[in-house]
Amino acid sequence: MIRFAPFIQLPQSEVDTYVEKARQHHADLLNAQLEQLNTELGQEAMNYIKPELHGPKWPARENVSELAKELQADCIVMGTIGRVGVPGLIIGNTTESFLDQLTCSILAINPKGFATPVTL
C-alpha cells in the first residue's frame, strides 16, 4: 500500500527496506509458530504433514491461487483480519476471493481475541 499511495512520498529504497523488515518479522513469527507446533506434535507428525511456509507477494488474490496451483497444495492456512457487519460474519474479504479460484481446502484462522457475533 505504501508503494502506491499518492499521499505517501517516500524514496523507493526506504519503502523497500520497510517492506523487507516487515516481511522478515512475519517470517520469524511464522517460524516460531512452526517450531512450537513441532514441539507439540513431534517430529513424526511434522514429517507426515510436511508443512511449508510461503509468503507470496501481493496482491494476494492473484498470487496465492497461482502459488497453490504451482505447488499442488492440499490445504492453504491463512490468517484473517475480519470484516464488520453481515459480510464479516462468515469469512474475510481476501479469503472469500479465493473460494472460487482454488481446488484445495482453505483453513482461515481468526485473530487472537476474535469473538464471533453469531449465536445459535
PDB file of N, CA and C in Angstrom:
ATOM      1  N   MET A   1       0.815  -1.184   0.000  1.00  0.00           N
ATOM      2  CA  MET A   1       0.000   0.000   0.000  1.00  0.00           C
ATOM      3  C   MET A   1       0.864   1.256   0.000  1.00  0.00           C
ATOM      4  N   ILE A   2       1.969   1.218   0.757  1.00  0.00           N
ATOM      5  CA  ILE A   2       2.814   2.419   0.797  1.00  0.00           C
ATOM      6  C   ILE A   2       3.563   2.635  -0.507  1.00  0.00           C
ATOM      7  N   ARG A   3       3.657   1.621  -1.316  1.00  0.00           N
ATOM      8  CA  ARG A   3       4.319   1.787  -2.618  1.00  0.00           C
ATOM      9  C   ARG A   3       3.501   2.655  -3.571  1.00  0.00           C
ATOM     10  N   PHE A   4       2.170   2.556  -3.476  1.00  0.00           N
ATOM     11  CA  PHE A   4       1.336   3.177  -4.487  1.00  0.00           C
ATOM     12  C   PHE A   4       0.440   4.305  -3.980  1.00  0.00           C
ATOM     13  N   ALA A   5       0.431   4.543  -2.679  1.00  0.00           N
ATOM     14  CA  ALA A   5      -0.427   5.602  -2.132  1.00  0.00           C
ATOM     15  C   ALA A   5       0.098   6.970  -2.565  1.00  0.00           C
ATOM     16  N   PRO A   6      -0.756   7.787  -3.178  1.00  0.00           N
ATOM     17  CA  PRO A   6      -0.300   9.082  -3.682  1.00  0.00           C
ATOM     18  C   PRO A   6       0.079  10.066  -2.582  1.00  0.00           C
ATOM     19  N   PHE A   7      -0.434   9.870  -1.374  1.00  0.00           N
ATOM     20  CA  PHE A   7      -0.164  10.808  -0.289  1.00  0.00           C
ATOM     21  C   PHE A   7       1.088  10.459   0.508  1.00  0.00           C
ATOM     22  N   ILE A   8       1.716   9.332   0.218  1.00  0.00           N
ATOM     23  CA  ILE A   8       2.954   8.939   0.895  1.00  0.00           C
ATOM     24  C   ILE A   8       4.111   9.181  -0.066  1.00  0.00           C
ATOM     25  N   GLN A   9       5.008  10.055   0.326  1.00  0.00           N
ATOM     26  CA  GLN A   9       6.126  10.426  -0.531  1.00  0.00           C
ATOM     27  C   GLN A   9       7.430   9.947   0.104  1.00  0.00           C
ATOM     28  N   LEU A  10       7.746   8.667  -0.054  1.00  0.00           N
ATOM     29  CA  LEU A  10       8.985   8.105   0.466  1.00  0.00           C
ATOM     30  C   LEU A  10       9.842   7.614  -0.682  1.00  0.00           C
ATOM     31  N   PRO A  11      11.159   7.729  -0.538  1.00  0.00           N
ATOM     32  CA  PRO A  11      12.037   7.162  -1.570  1.00  0.00           C
ATOM     33  C   PRO A  11      11.822   5.647  -1.669  1.00  0.00           C
ATOM     34  N   GLN A  12      11.946   5.118  -2.851  1.00  0.00           N
ATOM     35  CA  GLN A  12      11.719   3.688  -3.082  1.00  0.00           C
ATOM     36  C   GLN A  12      12.612   2.827  -2.196  1.00  0.00           C
ATOM     37  N   SER A  13      13.849   3.267  -1.959  1.00  0.00           N
ATOM     38  CA  SER A  13      14.769   2.491  -1.121  1.00  0.00           C
ATOM     39  C   SER A  13      14.247   2.368   0.313  1.00  0.00           C
ATOM     40  N   GLU A  14      13.622   3.427   0.853  1.00  0.00           N
ATOM     41  CA  GLU A  14      13.037   3.366   2.205  1.00  0.00           C
ATOM     42  C   GLU A  14      11.839   2.425   2.238  1.00  0.00           C
ATOM     43  N   VAL A  15      11.031   2.481   1.211  1.00  0.00           N
ATOM     44  CA  VAL A  15       9.874   1.578   1.126  1.00  0.00           C
ATOM     45  C   VAL A  15      10.357   0.133   1.057  1.00  0.00           C
ATOM     46  N   ASP A  16      11.361  -0.139   0.223  1.00  0.00           N
ATOM     47  CA  ASP A  16      11.908  -1.486   0.100  1.00  0.00           C
ATOM     48  C   ASP A  16      12.452  -1.990   1.436  1.00  0.00           C
ATOM     49  N   THR A  17      13.160  -1.131   2.161  1.00  0.00           N
ATOM     50  CA  THR A  17      13.710  -1.501   3.463  1.00  0.00           C
ATOM     51  C   THR A  17      12.598  -1.811   4.447  1.00  0.00           C
ATOM     52  N   TYR A  18      11.572  -0.962   4.489  1.00  0.00           N
ATOM     53  CA  TYR A  18      10.446  -1.173   5.395  1.00  0.00           C
ATOM     54  C   TYR A  18       9.721  -2.487   5.072  1.00  0.00           C
ATOM     55  N   VAL A  19       9.459  -2.721   3.806  1.00  0.00           N
ATOM     56  CA  VAL A  19       8.746  -3.927   3.390  1.00  0.00           C
ATOM     57  C   VAL A  19       9.558  -5.170   3.749  1.00  0.00           C
ATOM     58  N   GLU A  20      10.859  -5.141   3.528  1.00  0.00           N
ATOM     59  CA  GLU A  20      11.707  -6.290   3.845  1.00  0.00           C
ATOM     60  C   GLU A  20      11.744  -6.544   5.355  1.00  0.00           C
ATOM     61  N   LYS A  21      11.815  -5.477   6.158  1.00  0.00           N
ATOM     62  CA  LYS A  21      11.799  -5.648   7.616  1.00  0.00           C
ATOM     63  C   LYS A  21      10.481  -6.262   8.076  1.00  0.00           C
ATOM     64  N   ALA A  22       9.377  -5.809   7.511  1.00  0.00           N
ATOM     65  CA  ALA A  22       8.066  -6.351   7.871  1.00  0.00           C
ATOM     66  C   ALA A  22       7.958  -7.807   7.432  1.00  0.00           C
ATOM     67  N   ARG A  23       8.434  -8.122   6.232  1.00  0.00           N
ATOM     68  CA  ARG A  23       8.408  -9.497   5.739  1.00  0.00           C
ATOM     69  C   ARG A  23       9.233 -10.412   6.643  1.00  0.00           C
ATOM     70  N   GLN A  24      10.421  -9.965   7.028  1.00  0.00           N
ATOM     71  CA  GLN A  24      11.294 -10.768   7.878  1.00  0.00           C
ATOM     72  C   GLN A  24      10.686 -10.960   9.269  1.00  0.00           C
ATOM     73  N   HIS A  25      10.066  -9.916   9.807  1.00  0.00           N
ATOM     74  CA  HIS A  25       9.411 -10.012  11.110  1.00  0.00           C
ATOM     75  C   HIS A  25       8.322 -11.081  11.084  1.00  0.00           C
ATOM     76  N   HIS A  26       7.492 -11.055  10.062  1.00  0.00           N
ATOM     77  CA  HIS A  26       6.411 -12.030   9.962  1.00  0.00           C
ATOM     78  C   HIS A  26       6.947 -13.440   9.680  1.00  0.00           C
ATOM     79  N   ALA A  27       8.004 -13.542   8.912  1.00  0.00           N
ATOM     80  CA  ALA A  27       8.622 -14.848   8.672  1.00  0.00           C
ATOM     81  C   ALA A  27       9.168 -15.424   9.977  1.00  0.00           C
ATOM     82  N   ASP A  28       9.784 -14.574  10.800  1.00  0.00           N
ATOM     83  CA  ASP A  28      10.294 -15.025  12.099  1.00  0.00           C
ATOM     84  C   ASP A  28       9.161 -15.506  13.000  1.00  0.00           C
ATOM     85  N   LEU A  29       8.044 -14.774  13.008  1.00  0.00           N
ATOM     86  CA  LEU A  29       6.895 -15.185  13.809  1.00  0.00           C
ATOM     87  C   LEU A  29       6.334 -16.523  13.327  1.00  0.00           C
ATOM     88  N   LEU A  30       6.222 -16.695  12.024  1.00  0.00           N
ATOM     89  CA  LEU A  30       5.730 -17.957  11.474  1.00  0.00           C
ATOM     90  C   LEU A  30       6.668 -19.113  11.792  1.00  0.00           C
ATOM     91  N   ASN A  31       7.962 -18.887  11.696  1.00  0.00           N
ATOM     92  CA  ASN A  31       8.928 -19.940  12.014  1.00  0.00           C
ATOM     93  C   ASN A  31       8.863 -20.321  13.493  1.00  0.00           C
ATOM     94  N   ALA A  32       8.641 -19.342  14.363  1.00  0.00           N
ATOM     95  CA  ALA A  32       8.487 -19.634  15.789  1.00  0.00           C
ATOM     96  C   ALA A  32       7.241 -20.483  16.027  1.00  0.00           C
ATOM     97  N   GLN A  33       6.159 -20.170  15.323  1.00  0.00           N
ATOM     98  CA  GLN A  33       4.946 -20.973  15.445  1.00  0.00           C
ATOM     99  C   GLN A  33       5.174 -22.394  14.938  1.00  0.00           C
ATOM    100  N   LEU A  34       5.920 -22.520  13.857  1.00  0.00           N
ATOM    101  CA  LEU A  34       6.219 -23.839  13.308  1.00  0.00           C
ATOM    102  C   LEU A  34       7.070 -24.652  14.285  1.00  0.00           C
ATOM    103  N   GLU A  35       8.022 -24.005  14.941  1.00  0.00           N
ATOM    104  CA  GLU A  35       8.840 -24.683  15.948  1.00  0.00           C
ATOM    105  C   GLU A  35       7.984 -25.143  17.128  1.00  0.00           C
ATOM    106  N   GLN A  36       7.053 -24.298  17.562  1.00  0.00           N
ATOM    107  CA  GLN A  36       6.153 -24.662  18.649  1.00  0.00           C
ATOM    108  C   GLN A  36       5.278 -25.850  18.241  1.00  0.00           C
ATOM    109  N   LEU A  37       4.785 -25.827  17.020  1.00  0.00           N
ATOM    110  CA  LEU A  37       3.982 -26.931  16.511  1.00  0.00           C
ATOM    111  C   LEU A  37       4.793 -28.219  16.489  1.00  0.00           C
ATOM    112  N   ASN A  38       6.041 -28.132  16.082  1.00  0.00           N
ATOM    113  CA  ASN A  38       6.932 -29.286  16.065  1.00  0.00           C
ATOM    114  C   ASN A  38       7.113 -29.843  17.475  1.00  0.00           C
ATOM    115  N   THR A  39       7.257 -28.958  18.459  1.00  0.00           N
ATOM    116  CA  THR A  39       7.404 -29.382  19.849  1.00  0.00           C
ATOM    117  C   THR A  39       6.138 -30.079  20.344  1.00  0.00           C
ATOM    118  N   GLU A  40       4.986 -29.521  20.005  1.00  0.00           N
ATOM    119  CA  GLU A  40       3.720 -30.067  20.486  1.00  0.00           C
ATOM    120  C   GLU A  40       3.324 -31.362  19.780  1.00  0.00           C
ATOM    121  N   LEU A  41       3.533 -31.453  18.479  1.00  0.00           N
ATOM    122  CA  LEU A  41       3.108 -32.626  17.720  1.00  0.00           C
ATOM    123  C   LEU A  41       4.169 -33.709  17.636  1.00  0.00           C
ATOM    124  N   GLY A  42       5.414 -33.300  17.632  1.00  0.00           N
ATOM    125  CA  GLY A  42       6.507 -34.247  17.469  1.00  0.00           C
ATOM    126  C   GLY A  42       6.971 -34.312  16.025  1.00  0.00           C
ATOM    127  N   GLN A  43       8.207 -34.759  15.867  1.00  0.00           N
ATOM    128  CA  GLN A  43       8.824 -34.784  14.543  1.00  0.00           C
ATOM    129  C   GLN A  43       8.131 -35.756  13.599  1.00  0.00           C
ATOM    130  N   GLU A  44       7.641 -36.879  14.112  1.00  0.00           N
ATOM    131  CA  GLU A  44       6.983 -37.861  13.240  1.00  0.00           C
ATOM    132  C   GLU A  44       5.731 -37.256  12.588  1.00  0.00           C
ATOM    133  N   ALA A  45       4.932 -36.548  13.374  1.00  0.00           N
ATOM    134  CA  ALA A  45       3.730 -35.907  12.829  1.00  0.00           C
ATOM    135  C   ALA A  45       4.101 -34.817  11.828  1.00  0.00           C
ATOM    136  N   MET A  46       5.125 -34.055  12.137  1.00  0.00           N
ATOM    137  CA  MET A  46       5.555 -32.990  11.226  1.00  0.00           C
ATOM    138  C   MET A  46       6.066 -33.573   9.911  1.00  0.00           C
ATOM    139  N   ASN A  47       6.763 -34.696   9.982  1.00  0.00           N
ATOM    140  CA  ASN A  47       7.229 -35.350   8.760  1.00  0.00           C
ATOM    141  C   ASN A  47       6.062 -35.841   7.922  1.00  0.00           C
ATOM    142  N   TYR A  48       4.974 -36.204   8.581  1.00  0.00           N
ATOM    143  CA  TYR A  48       3.804 -36.685   7.862  1.00  0.00           C
ATOM    144  C   TYR A  48       3.054 -35.549   7.170  1.00  0.00           C
ATOM    145  N   ILE A  49       2.806 -34.451   7.906  1.00  0.00           N
ATOM    146  CA  ILE A  49       2.025 -33.361   7.312  1.00  0.00           C
ATOM    147  C   ILE A  49       2.865 -32.434   6.440  1.00  0.00           C
ATOM    148  N   LYS A  50       4.155 -32.398   6.655  1.00  0.00           N
ATOM    149  CA  LYS A  50       5.095 -31.626   5.831  1.00  0.00           C
ATOM    150  C   LYS A  50       4.642 -30.190   5.554  1.00  0.00           C
ATOM    151  N   PRO A  51       4.443 -29.394   6.606  1.00  0.00           N
ATOM    152  CA  PRO A  51       4.014 -28.010   6.352  1.00  0.00           C
ATOM    153  C   PRO A  51       5.117 -27.211   5.659  1.00  0.00           C
ATOM    154  N   GLU A  52       4.702 -26.326   4.772  1.00  0.00           N
ATOM    155  CA  GLU A  52       5.624 -25.422   4.081  1.00  0.00           C
ATOM    156  C   GLU A  52       5.105 -24.004   4.244  1.00  0.00           C
ATOM    157  N   LEU A  53       5.988 -23.087   4.522  1.00  0.00           N
ATOM    158  CA  LEU A  53       5.609 -21.691   4.657  1.00  0.00           C
ATOM    159  C   LEU A  53       5.949 -20.949   3.372  1.00  0.00           C
ATOM    160  N   HIS A  54       4.982 -20.190   2.892  1.00  0.00           N
ATOM    161  CA  HIS A  54       5.188 -19.379   1.690  1.00  0.00           C
ATOM    162  C   HIS A  54       4.587 -18.009   1.946  1.00  0.00           C
ATOM    163  N   GLY A  55       5.264 -17.017   1.527  1.00  0.00           N
ATOM    164  CA  GLY A  55       4.761 -15.651   1.645  1.00  0.00           C
ATOM    165  C   GLY A  55       4.741 -14.993   0.284  1.00  0.00           C
ATOM    166  N   PRO A  56       3.743 -15.310  -0.526  1.00  0.00           N
ATOM    167  CA  PRO A  56       3.710 -14.742  -1.875  1.00  0.00           C
ATOM    168  C   PRO A  56       3.541 -13.228  -1.847  1.00  0.00           C
ATOM    169  N   LYS A  57       4.026 -12.609  -2.882  1.00  0.00           N
ATOM    170  CA  LYS A  57       3.899 -11.151  -2.987  1.00  0.00           C
ATOM    171  C   LYS A  57       2.452 -10.768  -3.246  1.00  0.00           C
ATOM    172  N   TRP A  58       2.147  -9.533  -2.927  1.00  0.00           N
ATOM    173  CA  TRP A  58       0.802  -9.008  -3.138  1.00  0.00           C
ATOM    174  C   TRP A  58       0.641  -8.589  -4.576  1.00  0.00           C
ATOM    175  N   PRO A  59      -0.531  -8.556  -5.107  1.00  0.00           N
ATOM    176  CA  PRO A  59      -1.812  -8.759  -4.438  1.00  0.00           C
ATOM    177  C   PRO A  59      -2.093 -10.234  -4.188  1.00  0.00           C
ATOM    178  N   ALA A  60      -2.487 -10.534  -2.965  1.00  0.00           N
ATOM    179  CA  ALA A  60      -2.711 -11.913  -2.541  1.00  0.00           C
ATOM    180  C   ALA A  60      -3.762 -12.615  -3.385  1.00  0.00           C
ATOM    181  N   ARG A  61      -4.799 -11.905  -3.750  1.00  0.00           N
ATOM    182  CA  ARG A  61      -5.888 -12.524  -4.508  1.00  0.00           C
ATOM    183  C   ARG A  61      -5.386 -13.212  -5.772  1.00  0.00           C
ATOM    184  N   GLU A  62      -4.371 -12.647  -6.383  1.00  0.00           N
ATOM    185  CA  GLU A  62      -3.844 -13.208  -7.616  1.00  0.00           C
ATOM    186  C   GLU A  62      -2.718 -14.205  -7.350  1.00  0.00           C
ATOM    187  N   ASN A  63      -1.807 -13.854  -6.484  1.00  0.00           N
ATOM    188  CA  ASN A  63      -0.592 -14.643  -6.318  1.00  0.00           C
ATOM    189  C   ASN A  63      -0.766 -15.893  -5.470  1.00  0.00           C
ATOM    190  N   VAL A  64      -1.656 -15.892  -4.494  1.00  0.00           N
ATOM    191  CA  VAL A  64      -1.850 -17.077  -3.660  1.00  0.00           C
ATOM    192  C   VAL A  64      -2.429 -18.223  -4.478  1.00  0.00           C
ATOM    193  N   SER A  65      -3.432 -17.934  -5.281  1.00  0.00           N
ATOM    194  CA  SER A  65      -4.038 -19.011  -6.079  1.00  0.00           C
ATOM    195  C   SER A  65      -3.037 -19.566  -7.094  1.00  0.00           C
ATOM    196  N   GLU A  66      -2.219 -18.723  -7.690  1.00  0.00           N
ATOM    197  CA  GLU A  66      -1.203 -19.196  -8.631  1.00  0.00           C
ATOM    198  C   GLU A  66      -0.178 -20.079  -7.931  1.00  0.00           C
ATOM    199  N   LEU A  67       0.261 -19.655  -6.733  1.00  0.00           N
ATOM    200  CA  LEU A  67       1.237 -20.435  -5.982  1.00  0.00           C
ATOM    201  C   LEU A  67       0.650 -21.779  -5.555  1.00  0.00           C
ATOM    202  N   ALA A  68      -0.601 -21.792  -5.121  1.00  0.00           N
ATOM    203  CA  ALA A  68      -1.252 -23.042  -4.707  1.00  0.00           C
ATOM    204  C   ALA A  68      -1.311 -24.033  -5.862  1.00  0.00           C
ATOM    205  N   LYS A  69      -1.628 -23.554  -7.046  1.00  0.00           N
ATOM    206  CA  LYS A  69      -1.673 -24.432  -8.215  1.00  0.00           C
ATOM    207  C   LYS A  69      -0.278 -24.958  -8.561  1.00  0.00           C
ATOM    208  N   GLU A  70       0.699 -24.071  -8.506  1.00  0.00           N
ATOM    209  CA  GLU A  70       2.081 -24.455  -8.809  1.00  0.00           C
ATOM    210  C   GLU A  70       2.581 -25.529  -7.838  1.00  0.00           C
ATOM    211  N   LEU A  71       2.248 -25.371  -6.548  1.00  0.00           N
ATOM    212  CA  LEU A  71       2.707 -26.314  -5.520  1.00  0.00           C
ATOM    213  C   LEU A  71       1.815 -27.545  -5.401  1.00  0.00           C
ATOM    214  N   GLN A  72       0.681 -27.531  -6.085  1.00  0.00           N
ATOM    215  CA  GLN A  72      -0.335 -28.582  -5.940  1.00  0.00           C
ATOM    216  C   GLN A  72      -0.687 -28.760  -4.466  1.00  0.00           C
ATOM    217  N   ALA A  73      -1.011 -27.644  -3.825  1.00  0.00           N
ATOM    218  CA  ALA A  73      -1.285 -27.620  -2.383  1.00  0.00           C
ATOM    219  C   ALA A  73      -2.554 -28.388  -2.055  1.00  0.00           C
ATOM    220  N   ASP A  74      -2.535 -29.087  -0.924  1.00  0.00           N
ATOM    221  CA  ASP A  74      -3.715 -29.777  -0.414  1.00  0.00           C
ATOM    222  C   ASP A  74      -4.574 -28.834   0.422  1.00  0.00           C
ATOM    223  N   CYS A  75      -3.909 -27.918   1.120  1.00  0.00           N
ATOM    224  CA  CYS A  75      -4.622 -27.016   2.031  1.00  0.00           C
ATOM    225  C   CYS A  75      -3.820 -25.724   2.174  1.00  0.00           C
ATOM    226  N   ILE A  76      -4.528 -24.609   2.214  1.00  0.00           N
ATOM    227  CA  ILE A  76      -3.912 -23.312   2.477  1.00  0.00           C
ATOM    228  C   ILE A  76      -4.411 -22.857   3.835  1.00  0.00           C
ATOM    229  N   VAL A  77      -3.483 -22.502   4.713  1.00  0.00           N
ATOM    230  CA  VAL A  77      -3.827 -21.964   6.024  1.00  0.00           C
ATOM    231  C   VAL A  77      -3.465 -20.496   5.999  1.00  0.00           C
ATOM    232  N   MET A  78      -4.437 -19.647   6.338  1.00  0.00           N
ATOM    233  CA  MET A  78      -4.153 -18.215   6.332  1.00  0.00           C
ATOM    234  C   MET A  78      -4.907 -17.520   7.443  1.00  0.00           C
ATOM    235  N   GLY A  79      -4.339 -16.445   7.916  1.00  0.00           N
ATOM    236  CA  GLY A  79      -4.993 -15.638   8.929  1.00  0.00           C
ATOM    237  C   GLY A  79      -5.996 -14.706   8.284  1.00  0.00           C
ATOM    238  N   THR A  80      -6.975 -14.294   9.066  1.00  0.00           N
ATOM    239  CA  THR A  80      -7.967 -13.329   8.586  1.00  0.00           C
ATOM    240  C   THR A  80      -7.944 -12.112   9.496  1.00  0.00           C
ATOM    241  N   ILE A  81      -8.341 -11.006   8.954  1.00  0.00           N
ATOM    242  CA  ILE A  81      -8.488  -9.788   9.745  1.00  0.00           C
ATOM    243  C   ILE A  81      -9.940  -9.636  10.144  1.00  0.00           C
ATOM    244  N   GLY A  82     -10.807 -10.015   9.270  1.00  0.00           N
ATOM    245  CA  GLY A  82     -12.239  -9.972   9.539  1.00  0.00           C
ATOM    246  C   GLY A  82     -12.861  -8.666   9.089  1.00  0.00           C
ATOM    247  N   ARG A  83     -14.112  -8.757   8.695  1.00  0.00           N
ATOM    248  CA  ARG A  83     -14.878  -7.580   8.289  1.00  0.00           C
ATOM    249  C   ARG A  83     -15.974  -7.344   9.315  1.00  0.00           C
ATOM    250  N   VAL A  84     -16.489  -6.160   9.318  1.00  0.00           N
ATOM    251  CA  VAL A  84     -17.598  -5.844  10.212  1.00  0.00           C
ATOM    252  C   VAL A  84     -18.913  -5.999   9.458  1.00  0.00           C
ATOM    253  N   GLY A  85     -19.978  -6.094  10.199  1.00  0.00           N
ATOM    254  CA  GLY A  85     -21.296  -6.195   9.582  1.00  0.00           C
ATOM    255  C   GLY A  85     -21.582  -7.606   9.105  1.00  0.00           C
ATOM    256  N   VAL A  86     -22.649  -7.748   8.396  1.00  0.00           N
ATOM    257  CA  VAL A  86     -23.094  -9.059   7.929  1.00  0.00           C
ATOM    258  C   VAL A  86     -22.047  -9.763   7.075  1.00  0.00           C
ATOM    259  N   PRO A  87     -21.385  -9.079   6.101  1.00  0.00           N
ATOM    260  CA  PRO A  87     -20.389  -9.795   5.293  1.00  0.00           C
ATOM    261  C   PRO A  87     -19.239 -10.370   6.126  1.00  0.00           C
ATOM    262  N   GLY A  88     -18.899  -9.713   7.225  1.00  0.00           N
ATOM    263  CA  GLY A  88     -17.787 -10.174   8.044  1.00  0.00           C
ATOM    264  C   GLY A  88     -18.129 -11.299   8.990  1.00  0.00           C
ATOM    265  N   LEU A  89     -19.396 -11.670   9.077  1.00  0.00           N
ATOM    266  CA  LEU A  89     -19.785 -12.733   9.989  1.00  0.00           C
ATOM    267  C   LEU A  89     -19.236 -14.083   9.558  1.00  0.00           C
ATOM    268  N   ILE A  90     -19.101 -14.292   8.288  1.00  0.00           N
ATOM    269  CA  ILE A  90     -18.736 -15.602   7.782  1.00  0.00           C
ATOM    270  C   ILE A  90     -17.238 -15.729   7.523  1.00  0.00           C
ATOM    271  N   ILE A  91     -16.699 -14.848   6.718  1.00  0.00           N
ATOM    272  CA  ILE A  91     -15.316 -15.021   6.275  1.00  0.00           C
ATOM    273  C   ILE A  91     -14.753 -13.681   5.820  1.00  0.00           C
ATOM    274  N   GLY A  92     -13.436 -13.533   5.854  1.00  0.00           N
ATOM    275  CA  GLY A  92     -12.807 -12.280   5.461  1.00  0.00           C
ATOM    276  C   GLY A  92     -12.845 -12.050   3.965  1.00  0.00           C
ATOM    277  N   ASN A  93     -12.646 -10.837   3.568  1.00  0.00           N
ATOM    278  CA  ASN A  93     -12.746 -10.421   2.180  1.00  0.00           C
ATOM    279  C   ASN A  93     -11.720 -11.110   1.279  1.00  0.00           C
ATOM    280  N   THR A  94     -10.447 -11.114   1.685  1.00  0.00           N
ATOM    281  CA  THR A  94      -9.409 -11.730   0.856  1.00  0.00           C
ATOM    282  C   THR A  94      -9.617 -13.230   0.761  1.00  0.00           C
ATOM    283  N   THR A  95      -9.885 -13.862   1.888  1.00  0.00           N
ATOM    284  CA  THR A  95     -10.111 -15.302   1.883  1.00  0.00           C
ATOM    285  C   THR A  95     -11.295 -15.651   1.000  1.00  0.00           C
ATOM    286  N   GLU A  96     -12.339 -14.847   1.096  1.00  0.00           N
ATOM    287  CA  GLU A  96     -13.538 -15.070   0.285  1.00  0.00           C
ATOM    288  C   GLU A  96     -13.208 -15.073  -1.201  1.00  0.00           C
ATOM    289  N   SER A  97     -12.268 -14.230  -1.598  1.00  0.00           N
ATOM    290  CA  SER A  97     -11.927 -14.133  -3.020  1.00  0.00           C
ATOM    291  C   SER A  97     -11.253 -15.404  -3.536  1.00  0.00           C
ATOM    292  N   PHE A  98     -10.687 -16.237  -2.651  1.00  0.00           N
ATOM    293  CA  PHE A  98     -10.019 -17.461  -3.079  1.00  0.00           C
ATOM    294  C   PHE A  98     -10.990 -18.604  -3.333  1.00  0.00           C
ATOM    295  N   LEU A  99     -12.162 -18.537  -2.749  1.00  0.00           N
ATOM    296  CA  LEU A  99     -13.064 -19.681  -2.768  1.00  0.00           C
ATOM    297  C   LEU A  99     -13.366 -20.205  -4.163  1.00  0.00           C
ATOM    298  N   ASP A 100     -13.521 -19.329  -5.127  1.00  0.00           N
ATOM    299  CA  ASP A 100     -13.839 -19.800  -6.479  1.00  0.00           C
ATOM    300  C   ASP A 100     -12.591 -19.995  -7.345  1.00  0.00           C
ATOM    301  N   GLN A 101     -11.415 -19.739  -6.801  1.00  0.00           N
ATOM    302  CA  GLN A 101     -10.184 -19.872  -7.568  1.00  0.00           C
ATOM    303  C   GLN A 101      -9.392 -21.130  -7.229  1.00  0.00           C
ATOM    304  N   LEU A 102      -9.666 -21.749  -6.081  1.00  0.00           N
ATOM    305  CA  LEU A 102      -8.859 -22.858  -5.606  1.00  0.00           C
ATOM    306  C   LEU A 102      -9.619 -24.176  -5.621  1.00  0.00           C
ATOM    307  N   THR A 103      -8.872 -25.243  -5.803  1.00  0.00           N
ATOM    308  CA  THR A 103      -9.465 -26.577  -5.726  1.00  0.00           C
ATOM    309  C   THR A 103      -9.039 -27.288  -4.448  1.00  0.00           C
ATOM    310  N   CYS A 104      -8.201 -26.646  -3.630  1.00  0.00           N
ATOM    311  CA  CYS A 104      -7.766 -27.251  -2.381  1.00  0.00           C
ATOM    312  C   CYS A 104      -8.543 -26.639  -1.207  1.00  0.00           C
ATOM    313  N   SER A 105      -8.348 -27.207  -0.043  1.00  0.00           N
ATOM    314  CA  SER A 105      -9.008 -26.711   1.161  1.00  0.00           C
ATOM    315  C   SER A 105      -8.348 -25.425   1.641  1.00  0.00           C
ATOM    316  N   ILE A 106      -9.126 -24.588   2.341  1.00  0.00           N
ATOM    317  CA  ILE A 106      -8.617 -23.364   2.960  1.00  0.00           C
ATOM    318  C   ILE A 106      -8.982 -23.408   4.429  1.00  0.00           C
ATOM    319  N   LEU A 107      -7.997 -23.210   5.289  1.00  0.00           N
ATOM    320  CA  LEU A 107      -8.236 -23.087   6.718  1.00  0.00           C
ATOM    321  C   LEU A 107      -7.958 -21.629   7.078  1.00  0.00           C
ATOM    322  N   ALA A 108      -9.014 -20.879   7.391  1.00  0.00           N
ATOM    323  CA  ALA A 108      -8.889 -19.464   7.735  1.00  0.00           C
ATOM    324  C   ALA A 108      -8.932 -19.337   9.259  1.00  0.00           C
ATOM    325  N   ILE A 109      -7.922 -18.688   9.822  1.00  0.00           N
ATOM    326  CA  ILE A 109      -7.794 -18.561  11.269  1.00  0.00           C
ATOM    327  C   ILE A 109      -8.026 -17.108  11.665  1.00  0.00           C
ATOM    328  N   ASN A 110      -8.971 -16.912  12.574  1.00  0.00           N
ATOM    329  CA  ASN A 110      -9.276 -15.562  13.058  1.00  0.00           C
ATOM    330  C   ASN A 110      -8.197 -15.077  14.025  1.00  0.00           C
ATOM    331  N   PRO A 111      -8.049 -13.769  14.179  1.00  0.00           N
ATOM    332  CA  PRO A 111      -7.032 -13.234  15.077  1.00  0.00           C
ATOM    333  C   PRO A 111      -7.349 -13.548  16.539  1.00  0.00           C
ATOM    334  N   LYS A 112      -6.308 -13.547  17.351  1.00  0.00           N
ATOM    335  CA  LYS A 112      -6.467 -13.780  18.787  1.00  0.00           C
ATOM    336  C   LYS A 112      -7.446 -12.766  19.361  1.00  0.00           C
ATOM    337  N   GLY A 113      -8.357 -13.246  20.168  1.00  0.00           N
ATOM    338  CA  GLY A 113      -9.336 -12.373  20.779  1.00  0.00           C
ATOM    339  C   GLY A 113     -10.591 -12.170  19.962  1.00  0.00           C
ATOM    340  N   PHE A 114     -10.626 -12.716  18.749  1.00  0.00           N
ATOM    341  CA  PHE A 114     -11.799 -12.573  17.902  1.00  0.00           C
ATOM    342  C   PHE A 114     -12.983 -13.294  18.529  1.00  0.00           C
ATOM    343  N   ALA A 115     -14.103 -12.637  18.609  1.00  0.00           N
ATOM    344  CA  ALA A 115     -15.323 -13.264  19.115  1.00  0.00           C
ATOM    345  C   ALA A 115     -16.407 -13.078  18.055  1.00  0.00           C
ATOM    346  N   THR A 116     -16.929 -14.181  17.584  1.00  0.00           N
ATOM    347  CA  THR A 116     -17.954 -14.102  16.557  1.00  0.00           C
ATOM    348  C   THR A 116     -19.252 -13.533  17.122  1.00  0.00           C
ATOM    349  N   PRO A 117     -19.908 -12.679  16.387  1.00  0.00           N
ATOM    350  CA  PRO A 117     -21.206 -12.173  16.837  1.00  0.00           C
ATOM    351  C   PRO A 117     -22.348 -13.150  16.523  1.00  0.00           C
ATOM    352  N   VAL A 118     -22.035 -14.256  15.873  1.00  0.00           N
ATOM    353  CA  VAL A 118     -23.051 -15.243  15.522  1.00  0.00           C
ATOM    354  C   VAL A 118     -23.397 -16.081  16.751  1.00  0.00           C
ATOM    355  N   THR A 119     -24.672 -16.227  17.019  1.00  0.00           N
ATOM    356  CA  THR A 119     -25.116 -17.057  18.131  1.00  0.00           C
ATOM    357  C   THR A 119     -26.067 -18.120  17.624  1.00  0.00           C
ATOM    358  N   LEU A 120     -26.184 -19.191  18.370  1.00  0.00           N
ATOM    359  CA  LEU A 120     -27.121 -20.266  17.995  1.00  0.00           C
ATOM    360  C   LEU A 120     -28.496 -19.958  18.536  1.00  0.00           C
TER     361      LEU A 120
END
